Amino acid sequence: MGKQFTRENKNIYQLCREAQGLTREKASELMDGVSASRIEKIEYGTQNPTPYDVIQMADCYKRPDLCNYFCSHQCLIGDRYVPEVEMSELSSIILETVASLNEIDPLTSRLIQIARDGKISDDEMKDFAFISKKLDDISLAVSALNLWVDKTAAENGLNIELLKEEKGKL
């Protein structure tokens, strides 16, 4: 008989699987090359998932945010370079993006001044740090929008091919 889990010690992979109403066996059938026993080991934390495992689970569970979770929490490179993106509603993402863009717009001339000589001097550092933080906010908002698109495509049949086609025309 398998380990019994209480709500507070289930990991994100198990929670996502259960949210889809899937047993480990059924999830395994829907994935390519990920056995039920492998899913169990990942959920128990006795083995770490590979990027392949996570992609399979993300697709099967309709949770593209699992990829971001893995990269930002379990991958050594991602831990350093990939920020965690939180899922939110489209309206919140758009408002955050517009607010961030509005904040950065008046700072573009200062950024040009700072970058003109190809160096950042100590007296420019405070302004550069502020601008860099605002650019990080924009990057995070764009990542959140892309994650929302992927999740909506998986759950609600957003026509991702049409989106790619339209973006390709630009």
N, C-alpha and C. Protein backbone atom coordinates (compact mmCIF):
# COMPACT_ATOMS: atom_id res chain seq x y z
N MET A 1 0.84 -1.19 0.00
CA MET A 1 0.00 0.00 0.00
C MET A 1 0.88 1.24 0.00
N GLY A 2 0.51 2.25 -0.77
CA GLY A 2 1.31 3.47 -0.91
C GLY A 2 1.21 4.38 0.30
N LYS A 3 2.12 5.33 0.35
CA LYS A 3 2.13 6.34 1.39
C LYS A 3 0.85 7.17 1.34
N GLN A 4 0.33 7.51 2.49
CA GLN A 4 -0.83 8.38 2.54
C GLN A 4 -0.36 9.82 2.72
N PHE A 5 -0.91 10.71 1.91
CA PHE A 5 -0.51 12.12 1.97
C PHE A 5 -1.63 12.94 2.57
N THR A 6 -1.25 13.90 3.38
CA THR A 6 -2.22 14.87 3.85
C THR A 6 -2.09 16.09 2.95
N ARG A 7 -3.04 16.95 2.99
CA ARG A 7 -3.08 18.12 2.10
C ARG A 7 -1.80 18.95 2.20
N GLU A 8 -1.27 19.12 3.39
CA GLU A 8 -0.13 20.02 3.56
C GLU A 8 1.21 19.47 3.07
N ASN A 9 1.32 18.19 2.82
CA ASN A 9 2.62 17.71 2.35
C ASN A 9 2.60 17.17 0.92
N LYS A 10 1.57 17.47 0.17
CA LYS A 10 1.54 17.09 -1.24
C LYS A 10 2.34 18.11 -2.03
N ASN A 11 3.14 17.62 -2.96
CA ASN A 11 3.89 18.59 -3.76
C ASN A 11 3.05 19.06 -4.95
N ILE A 12 3.57 20.04 -5.66
CA ILE A 12 2.82 20.67 -6.74
C ILE A 12 2.44 19.69 -7.83
N TYR A 13 3.29 18.71 -8.08
CA TYR A 13 3.01 17.74 -9.13
C TYR A 13 1.79 16.88 -8.78
N GLN A 14 1.73 16.45 -7.52
CA GLN A 14 0.59 15.66 -7.09
C GLN A 14 -0.69 16.50 -7.07
N LEU A 15 -0.58 17.72 -6.59
CA LEU A 15 -1.76 18.59 -6.53
C LEU A 15 -2.33 18.83 -7.93
N CYS A 16 -1.44 19.06 -8.90
CA CYS A 16 -1.90 19.30 -10.28
C CYS A 16 -2.53 18.05 -10.89
N ARG A 17 -1.94 16.90 -10.63
CA ARG A 17 -2.52 15.65 -11.14
C ARG A 17 -3.90 15.43 -10.56
N GLU A 18 -4.01 15.57 -9.25
CA GLU A 18 -5.29 15.36 -8.59
C GLU A 18 -6.34 16.38 -9.03
N ALA A 19 -5.90 17.61 -9.30
CA ALA A 19 -6.84 18.64 -9.76
C ALA A 19 -7.47 18.25 -11.10
N GLN A 20 -6.75 17.46 -11.89
CA GLN A 20 -7.28 16.97 -13.17
C GLN A 20 -8.10 15.70 -12.99
N GLY A 21 -8.17 15.20 -11.75
CA GLY A 21 -8.94 14.00 -11.47
C GLY A 21 -8.30 12.74 -12.02
N LEU A 22 -6.96 12.75 -12.10
CA LEU A 22 -6.24 11.62 -12.68
C LEU A 22 -5.56 10.78 -11.59
N THR A 23 -5.63 9.47 -11.77
CA THR A 23 -4.79 8.59 -10.96
C THR A 23 -3.40 8.61 -11.58
N ARG A 24 -2.42 8.09 -10.86
CA ARG A 24 -1.08 8.00 -11.43
C ARG A 24 -1.08 7.10 -12.66
N GLU A 25 -1.84 6.03 -12.59
CA GLU A 25 -1.90 5.09 -13.71
C GLU A 25 -2.49 5.75 -14.95
N LYS A 26 -3.58 6.49 -14.78
CA LYS A 26 -4.22 7.16 -15.92
C LYS A 26 -3.31 8.25 -16.47
N ALA A 27 -2.68 9.01 -15.59
CA ALA A 27 -1.75 10.05 -16.03
C ALA A 27 -0.62 9.43 -16.83
N SER A 28 -0.09 8.33 -16.36
CA SER A 28 0.99 7.64 -17.05
C SER A 28 0.57 7.22 -18.45
N GLU A 29 -0.66 6.74 -18.59
CA GLU A 29 -1.17 6.33 -19.90
C GLU A 29 -1.24 7.52 -20.87
N LEU A 30 -1.49 8.71 -20.33
CA LEU A 30 -1.62 9.91 -21.16
C LEU A 30 -0.28 10.57 -21.49
N MET A 31 0.79 10.11 -20.82
CA MET A 31 2.12 10.67 -21.04
C MET A 31 2.96 9.70 -21.86
N ASP A 32 3.97 10.24 -22.50
CA ASP A 32 4.92 9.41 -23.24
C ASP A 32 6.14 9.14 -22.37
N GLY A 33 6.32 7.88 -22.00
CA GLY A 33 7.53 7.47 -21.32
C GLY A 33 7.66 7.85 -19.86
N VAL A 34 6.55 8.13 -19.18
CA VAL A 34 6.60 8.41 -17.74
C VAL A 34 5.68 7.39 -17.07
N SER A 35 6.29 6.48 -16.34
CA SER A 35 5.52 5.41 -15.71
C SER A 35 4.80 5.90 -14.45
N ALA A 36 3.81 5.14 -14.03
CA ALA A 36 3.09 5.45 -12.80
C ALA A 36 4.04 5.43 -11.60
N SER A 37 4.97 4.49 -11.60
CA SER A 37 5.92 4.43 -10.48
C SER A 37 6.85 5.64 -10.49
N ARG A 38 7.20 6.13 -11.66
CA ARG A 38 8.04 7.34 -11.76
C ARG A 38 7.26 8.54 -11.22
N ILE A 39 5.99 8.66 -11.59
CA ILE A 39 5.14 9.75 -11.08
C ILE A 39 5.08 9.67 -9.57
N GLU A 40 4.90 8.48 -9.03
CA GLU A 40 4.83 8.29 -7.57
C GLU A 40 6.13 8.76 -6.90
N LYS A 41 7.26 8.39 -7.46
CA LYS A 41 8.56 8.79 -6.89
C LYS A 41 8.74 10.30 -6.93
N ILE A 42 8.29 10.92 -8.00
CA ILE A 42 8.37 12.39 -8.11
C ILE A 42 7.47 13.03 -7.06
N GLU A 43 6.26 12.50 -6.93
CA GLU A 43 5.31 13.05 -5.96
C GLU A 43 5.76 12.83 -4.52
N TYR A 44 6.41 11.70 -4.24
CA TYR A 44 6.93 11.45 -2.89
C TYR A 44 8.20 12.22 -2.62
N GLY A 45 8.83 12.73 -3.67
CA GLY A 45 10.09 13.45 -3.50
C GLY A 45 11.30 12.54 -3.38
N THR A 46 11.14 11.26 -3.73
CA THR A 46 12.29 10.35 -3.67
C THR A 46 13.14 10.43 -4.92
N GLN A 47 12.58 10.99 -6.00
CA GLN A 47 13.35 11.28 -7.22
C GLN A 47 12.93 12.63 -7.74
N ASN A 48 13.90 13.36 -8.25
CA ASN A 48 13.58 14.65 -8.86
C ASN A 48 13.12 14.43 -10.29
N PRO A 49 12.17 15.24 -10.74
CA PRO A 49 11.74 15.11 -12.12
C PRO A 49 12.81 15.64 -13.07
N THR A 50 12.81 15.10 -14.27
CA THR A 50 13.67 15.64 -15.32
C THR A 50 12.86 16.68 -16.09
N PRO A 51 13.52 17.51 -16.87
CA PRO A 51 12.75 18.45 -17.71
C PRO A 51 11.72 17.71 -18.58
N TYR A 52 12.08 16.54 -19.10
CA TYR A 52 11.14 15.76 -19.91
C TYR A 52 9.90 15.38 -19.09
N ASP A 53 10.12 14.90 -17.87
CA ASP A 53 9.00 14.54 -16.99
C ASP A 53 8.07 15.74 -16.79
N VAL A 54 8.66 16.88 -16.53
CA VAL A 54 7.87 18.08 -16.24
C VAL A 54 7.07 18.52 -17.46
N ILE A 55 7.66 18.47 -18.63
CA ILE A 55 6.93 18.82 -19.85
C ILE A 55 5.75 17.87 -20.04
N GLN A 56 5.99 16.59 -19.83
CA GLN A 56 4.91 15.60 -19.96
C GLN A 56 3.79 15.89 -18.96
N MET A 57 4.15 16.17 -17.71
CA MET A 57 3.14 16.46 -16.70
C MET A 57 2.41 17.77 -17.01
N ALA A 58 3.15 18.79 -17.42
CA ALA A 58 2.54 20.08 -17.74
C ALA A 58 1.49 19.93 -18.84
N ASP A 59 1.83 19.16 -19.87
CA ASP A 59 0.87 18.94 -20.96
C ASP A 59 -0.31 18.09 -20.50
N CYS A 60 -0.04 17.02 -19.80
CA CYS A 60 -1.08 16.10 -19.35
C CYS A 60 -2.04 16.78 -18.37
N TYR A 61 -1.50 17.56 -17.45
CA TYR A 61 -2.31 18.19 -16.41
C TYR A 61 -2.84 19.56 -16.83
N LYS A 62 -2.50 19.98 -18.06
CA LYS A 62 -2.90 21.30 -18.57
C LYS A 62 -2.43 22.41 -17.63
N ARG A 63 -1.17 22.28 -17.22
CA ARG A 63 -0.58 23.24 -16.29
C ARG A 63 0.81 23.66 -16.78
N PRO A 64 0.87 24.55 -17.79
CA PRO A 64 2.17 24.99 -18.29
C PRO A 64 3.01 25.68 -17.22
N ASP A 65 2.38 26.15 -16.17
CA ASP A 65 3.13 26.79 -15.08
C ASP A 65 4.03 25.80 -14.34
N LEU A 66 3.81 24.50 -14.51
CA LEU A 66 4.72 23.52 -13.91
C LEU A 66 6.14 23.67 -14.47
N CYS A 67 6.23 24.04 -15.75
CA CYS A 67 7.56 24.25 -16.35
C CYS A 67 8.27 25.40 -15.68
N ASN A 68 7.56 26.51 -15.47
CA ASN A 68 8.17 27.64 -14.79
C ASN A 68 8.53 27.28 -13.35
N TYR A 69 7.65 26.53 -12.68
CA TYR A 69 7.94 26.11 -11.31
C TYR A 69 9.23 25.30 -11.26
N PHE A 70 9.34 24.32 -12.16
CA PHE A 70 10.53 23.48 -12.19
C PHE A 70 11.78 24.33 -12.43
N CYS A 71 11.71 25.19 -13.43
CA CYS A 71 12.90 26.00 -13.77
C CYS A 71 13.28 26.95 -12.64
N SER A 72 12.31 27.56 -12.00
CA SER A 72 12.62 28.55 -10.97
C SER A 72 12.91 27.95 -9.60
N HIS A 73 12.57 26.68 -9.39
CA HIS A 73 12.76 26.06 -8.07
C HIS A 73 13.70 24.86 -8.05
N GLN A 74 13.75 24.10 -9.14
CA GLN A 74 14.46 22.83 -9.09
C GLN A 74 15.65 22.73 -10.04
N CYS A 75 15.81 23.67 -10.91
CA CYS A 75 16.91 23.66 -11.87
C CYS A 75 17.97 24.65 -11.40
N LEU A 76 19.22 24.23 -11.35
CA LEU A 76 20.28 25.12 -10.87
C LEU A 76 20.44 26.36 -11.74
N ILE A 77 20.34 26.20 -13.04
CA ILE A 77 20.44 27.36 -13.93
C ILE A 77 19.21 28.25 -13.78
N GLY A 78 18.05 27.63 -13.82
CA GLY A 78 16.81 28.38 -13.69
C GLY A 78 16.70 29.10 -12.36
N ASP A 79 17.21 28.46 -11.31
CA ASP A 79 17.19 29.08 -9.99
C ASP A 79 17.89 30.43 -10.00
N ARG A 80 18.91 30.53 -10.83
CA ARG A 80 19.67 31.77 -10.94
C ARG A 80 19.04 32.77 -11.92
N TYR A 81 18.46 32.27 -13.00
CA TYR A 81 18.06 33.16 -14.09
C TYR A 81 16.56 33.21 -14.41
N VAL A 82 15.78 32.31 -13.87
CA VAL A 82 14.37 32.27 -14.22
C VAL A 82 13.53 32.66 -13.00
N PRO A 83 12.85 33.80 -13.07
CA PRO A 83 12.00 34.18 -11.94
C PRO A 83 10.71 33.36 -11.94
N GLU A 84 10.15 33.18 -10.76
CA GLU A 84 8.88 32.49 -10.66
C GLU A 84 7.79 33.41 -11.20
N VAL A 85 6.94 32.85 -12.05
CA VAL A 85 5.83 33.60 -12.62
C VAL A 85 4.56 33.06 -11.98
N GLU A 86 3.79 33.95 -11.41
CA GLU A 86 2.54 33.54 -10.78
C GLU A 86 1.40 33.66 -11.78
N MET A 87 0.55 32.66 -11.76
CA MET A 87 -0.62 32.67 -12.64
C MET A 87 -1.61 33.71 -12.12
N SER A 88 -2.16 34.50 -13.04
CA SER A 88 -3.19 35.45 -12.66
C SER A 88 -4.12 35.65 -13.85
N GLU A 89 -5.11 36.47 -13.65
CA GLU A 89 -6.11 36.73 -14.69
C GLU A 89 -5.54 37.68 -15.74
N LEU A 90 -6.07 37.58 -16.94
CA LEU A 90 -5.60 38.40 -18.05
C LEU A 90 -5.66 39.89 -17.72
N SER A 91 -6.74 40.33 -17.12
CA SER A 91 -6.88 41.77 -16.82
C SER A 91 -5.78 42.24 -15.87
N SER A 92 -5.44 41.44 -14.88
CA SER A 92 -4.36 41.80 -13.95
C SER A 92 -3.02 41.86 -14.66
N ILE A 93 -2.78 40.91 -15.55
CA ILE A 93 -1.52 40.88 -16.29
C ILE A 93 -1.40 42.12 -17.17
N ILE A 94 -2.47 42.46 -17.87
CA ILE A 94 -2.45 43.62 -18.77
C ILE A 94 -2.24 44.90 -17.97
N LEU A 95 -2.95 45.05 -16.86
CA LEU A 95 -2.79 46.25 -16.04
C LEU A 95 -1.37 46.38 -15.51
N GLU A 96 -0.78 45.28 -15.07
CA GLU A 96 0.60 45.30 -14.57
C GLU A 96 1.57 45.65 -15.69
N THR A 97 1.35 45.12 -16.88
CA THR A 97 2.21 45.41 -18.01
C THR A 97 2.15 46.89 -18.38
N VAL A 98 0.95 47.42 -18.48
CA VAL A 98 0.78 48.83 -18.84
C VAL A 98 1.37 49.74 -17.77
N ALA A 99 1.15 49.41 -16.51
CA ALA A 99 1.72 50.22 -15.43
C ALA A 99 3.25 50.21 -15.50
N SER A 100 3.83 49.05 -15.74
CA SER A 100 5.30 48.95 -15.84
C SER A 100 5.82 49.73 -17.04
N LEU A 101 5.14 49.63 -18.15
CA LEU A 101 5.56 50.38 -19.35
C LEU A 101 5.46 51.88 -19.12
N ASN A 102 4.39 52.31 -18.46
CA ASN A 102 4.24 53.73 -18.15
C ASN A 102 5.34 54.24 -17.23
N GLU A 103 5.77 53.41 -16.30
CA GLU A 103 6.84 53.81 -15.38
C GLU A 103 8.19 53.91 -16.09
N ILE A 104 8.43 53.06 -17.07
CA ILE A 104 9.73 53.04 -17.73
C ILE A 104 9.83 54.12 -18.80
N ASP A 105 8.73 54.51 -19.41
CA ASP A 105 8.77 55.45 -20.53
C ASP A 105 9.54 56.75 -20.22
N PRO A 106 9.26 57.41 -19.10
CA PRO A 106 10.01 58.66 -18.85
C PRO A 106 11.49 58.43 -18.49
N LEU A 107 11.86 57.19 -18.25
CA LEU A 107 13.24 56.89 -17.85
C LEU A 107 14.14 56.52 -19.02
N THR A 108 13.57 56.43 -20.22
CA THR A 108 14.37 55.99 -21.36
C THR A 108 15.51 56.96 -21.68
N SER A 109 15.27 58.26 -21.56
CA SER A 109 16.36 59.21 -21.85
C SER A 109 17.48 59.07 -20.82
N ARG A 110 17.14 58.81 -19.57
CA ARG A 110 18.17 58.61 -18.55
C ARG A 110 18.96 57.34 -18.83
N LEU A 111 18.29 56.29 -19.27
CA LEU A 111 18.98 55.05 -19.62
C LEU A 111 19.96 55.27 -20.77
N ILE A 112 19.56 56.06 -21.73
CA ILE A 112 20.45 56.39 -22.85
C ILE A 112 21.67 57.15 -22.35
N GLN A 113 21.47 58.11 -21.46
CA GLN A 113 22.59 58.86 -20.88
C GLN A 113 23.56 57.92 -20.16
N ILE A 114 23.01 57.01 -19.39
CA ILE A 114 23.85 56.07 -18.64
C ILE A 114 24.64 55.18 -19.59
N ALA A 115 24.00 54.71 -20.64
CA ALA A 115 24.62 53.74 -21.55
C ALA A 115 25.54 54.39 -22.58
N ARG A 116 25.48 55.67 -22.74
CA ARG A 116 26.21 56.36 -23.80
C ARG A 116 27.70 56.02 -23.81
N ASP A 117 28.35 55.98 -22.66
CA ASP A 117 29.80 55.72 -22.62
C ASP A 117 30.12 54.22 -22.46
N GLY A 118 29.11 53.36 -22.42
CA GLY A 118 29.34 51.93 -22.33
C GLY A 118 29.72 51.45 -20.94
N LYS A 119 29.63 52.33 -19.95
CA LYS A 119 29.96 51.98 -18.57
C LYS A 119 28.86 52.50 -17.65
N ILE A 120 28.82 51.93 -16.47
CA ILE A 120 27.91 52.44 -15.45
C ILE A 120 28.77 52.89 -14.27
N SER A 121 28.81 54.18 -14.08
CA SER A 121 29.63 54.73 -12.99
C SER A 121 28.86 54.65 -11.68
N ASP A 122 29.59 54.83 -10.58
CA ASP A 122 28.96 54.76 -9.26
C ASP A 122 27.84 55.78 -9.10
N ASP A 123 28.02 56.97 -9.67
CA ASP A 123 26.99 58.00 -9.52
C ASP A 123 25.75 57.70 -10.40
N GLU A 124 25.87 56.78 -11.34
CA GLU A 124 24.73 56.37 -12.18
C GLU A 124 24.04 55.12 -11.65
N MET A 125 24.67 54.46 -10.70
CA MET A 125 24.20 53.14 -10.26
C MET A 125 22.79 53.17 -9.68
N LYS A 126 22.45 54.16 -8.90
CA LYS A 126 21.12 54.22 -8.29
C LYS A 126 20.04 54.29 -9.38
N ASP A 127 20.23 55.17 -10.36
CA ASP A 127 19.26 55.29 -11.45
C ASP A 127 19.22 54.01 -12.28
N PHE A 128 20.40 53.45 -12.56
CA PHE A 128 20.45 52.23 -13.36
C PHE A 128 19.75 51.08 -12.64
N ALA A 129 19.96 50.94 -11.35
CA ALA A 129 19.32 49.88 -10.58
C ALA A 129 17.79 50.02 -10.63
N PHE A 130 17.32 51.24 -10.50
CA PHE A 130 15.88 51.49 -10.55
C PHE A 130 15.32 51.11 -11.92
N ILE A 131 15.98 51.56 -12.98
CA ILE A 131 15.53 51.26 -14.34
C ILE A 131 15.60 49.75 -14.60
N SER A 132 16.67 49.12 -14.15
CA SER A 132 16.83 47.68 -14.33
C SER A 132 15.71 46.92 -13.64
N LYS A 133 15.33 47.35 -12.44
CA LYS A 133 14.23 46.72 -11.70
C LYS A 133 12.92 46.88 -12.46
N LYS A 134 12.69 48.04 -13.03
CA LYS A 134 11.46 48.27 -13.80
C LYS A 134 11.44 47.41 -15.06
N LEU A 135 12.59 47.22 -15.69
CA LEU A 135 12.67 46.35 -16.86
C LEU A 135 12.41 44.89 -16.46
N ASP A 136 12.90 44.50 -15.28
CA ASP A 136 12.60 43.16 -14.76
C ASP A 136 11.10 42.97 -14.58
N ASP A 137 10.43 44.02 -14.08
CA ASP A 137 8.98 43.96 -13.90
C ASP A 137 8.26 43.75 -15.23
N ILE A 138 8.73 44.45 -16.26
CA ILE A 138 8.13 44.28 -17.59
C ILE A 138 8.36 42.86 -18.10
N SER A 139 9.57 42.37 -17.93
CA SER A 139 9.90 41.01 -18.36
C SER A 139 9.00 39.99 -17.66
N LEU A 140 8.79 40.17 -16.37
CA LEU A 140 7.93 39.26 -15.61
C LEU A 140 6.49 39.34 -16.10
N ALA A 141 6.02 40.54 -16.41
CA ALA A 141 4.65 40.71 -16.92
C ALA A 141 4.50 40.02 -18.28
N VAL A 142 5.50 40.12 -19.13
CA VAL A 142 5.46 39.45 -20.44
C VAL A 142 5.46 37.93 -20.24
N SER A 143 6.27 37.45 -19.32
CA SER A 143 6.29 36.01 -19.03
C SER A 143 4.93 35.54 -18.51
N ALA A 144 4.31 36.34 -17.66
CA ALA A 144 2.99 36.00 -17.13
C ALA A 144 1.96 35.95 -18.26
N LEU A 145 2.05 36.88 -19.20
CA LEU A 145 1.13 36.88 -20.33
C LEU A 145 1.34 35.63 -21.19
N ASN A 146 2.58 35.28 -21.46
CA ASN A 146 2.85 34.08 -22.25
C ASN A 146 2.36 32.82 -21.55
N LEU A 147 2.53 32.77 -20.23
CA LEU A 147 2.04 31.62 -19.46
C LEU A 147 0.52 31.57 -19.49
N TRP A 148 -0.12 32.73 -19.39
CA TRP A 148 -1.58 32.79 -19.46
C TRP A 148 -2.05 32.26 -20.82
N VAL A 149 -1.38 32.66 -21.90
CA VAL A 149 -1.75 32.19 -23.23
C VAL A 149 -1.63 30.67 -23.31
N ASP A 150 -0.51 30.12 -22.82
CA ASP A 150 -0.32 28.68 -22.86
C ASP A 150 -1.38 27.95 -22.04
N LYS A 151 -1.70 28.48 -20.87
CA LYS A 151 -2.70 27.84 -20.00
C LYS A 151 -4.09 27.93 -20.64
N THR A 152 -4.41 29.06 -21.21
CA THR A 152 -5.71 29.24 -21.85
C THR A 152 -5.83 28.34 -23.08
N ALA A 153 -4.74 28.21 -23.81
CA ALA A 153 -4.75 27.31 -24.97
C ALA A 153 -5.01 25.88 -24.53
N ALA A 154 -4.38 25.47 -23.43
CA ALA A 154 -4.54 24.10 -22.93
C ALA A 154 -5.93 23.85 -22.37
N GLU A 155 -6.46 24.81 -21.65
CA GLU A 155 -7.74 24.60 -20.96
C GLU A 155 -8.95 24.95 -21.81
N ASN A 156 -8.86 26.04 -22.56
CA ASN A 156 -10.05 26.57 -23.23
C ASN A 156 -9.96 26.55 -24.75
N GLY A 157 -8.96 25.90 -25.27
CA GLY A 157 -8.86 25.79 -26.71
C GLY A 157 -8.53 27.09 -27.43
N LEU A 158 -7.79 27.98 -26.78
CA LEU A 158 -7.33 29.19 -27.47
C LEU A 158 -6.59 28.77 -28.73
N ASN A 159 -6.90 29.40 -29.82
CA ASN A 159 -6.32 29.02 -31.11
C ASN A 159 -4.87 29.51 -31.18
N ILE A 160 -3.98 28.72 -30.64
CA ILE A 160 -2.56 29.07 -30.55
C ILE A 160 -1.92 29.14 -31.94
N GLU A 161 -2.38 28.32 -32.85
CA GLU A 161 -1.84 28.34 -34.21
C GLU A 161 -2.18 29.66 -34.91
N LEU A 162 -3.39 30.14 -34.72
CA LEU A 162 -3.77 31.43 -35.30
C LEU A 162 -2.95 32.55 -34.68
N LEU A 163 -2.73 32.48 -33.37
CA LEU A 163 -1.90 33.48 -32.70
C LEU A 163 -0.49 33.50 -33.29
N LYS A 164 0.10 32.32 -33.46
CA LYS A 164 1.45 32.23 -34.05
C LYS A 164 1.46 32.77 -35.47
N GLU A 165 0.43 32.45 -36.22
CA GLU A 165 0.33 32.92 -37.61
C GLU A 165 0.25 34.46 -37.65
N GLU A 166 -0.58 35.01 -36.80
CA GLU A 166 -0.73 36.47 -36.77
C GLU A 166 0.57 37.16 -36.31
N LYS A 167 1.22 36.58 -35.33
CA LYS A 167 2.50 37.15 -34.87
C LYS A 167 3.56 37.05 -35.96
N GLY A 168 3.51 35.97 -36.73
CA GLY A 168 4.46 35.79 -37.83
C GLY A 168 4.31 36.82 -38.93
N LYS A 169 3.11 37.37 -39.08
CA LYS A 169 2.86 38.39 -40.09
C LYS A 169 3.44 39.74 -39.71
N LEU A 170 3.74 39.93 -38.45
CA LEU A 170 4.21 41.24 -37.98
C LEU A 170 5.68 41.45 -38.24
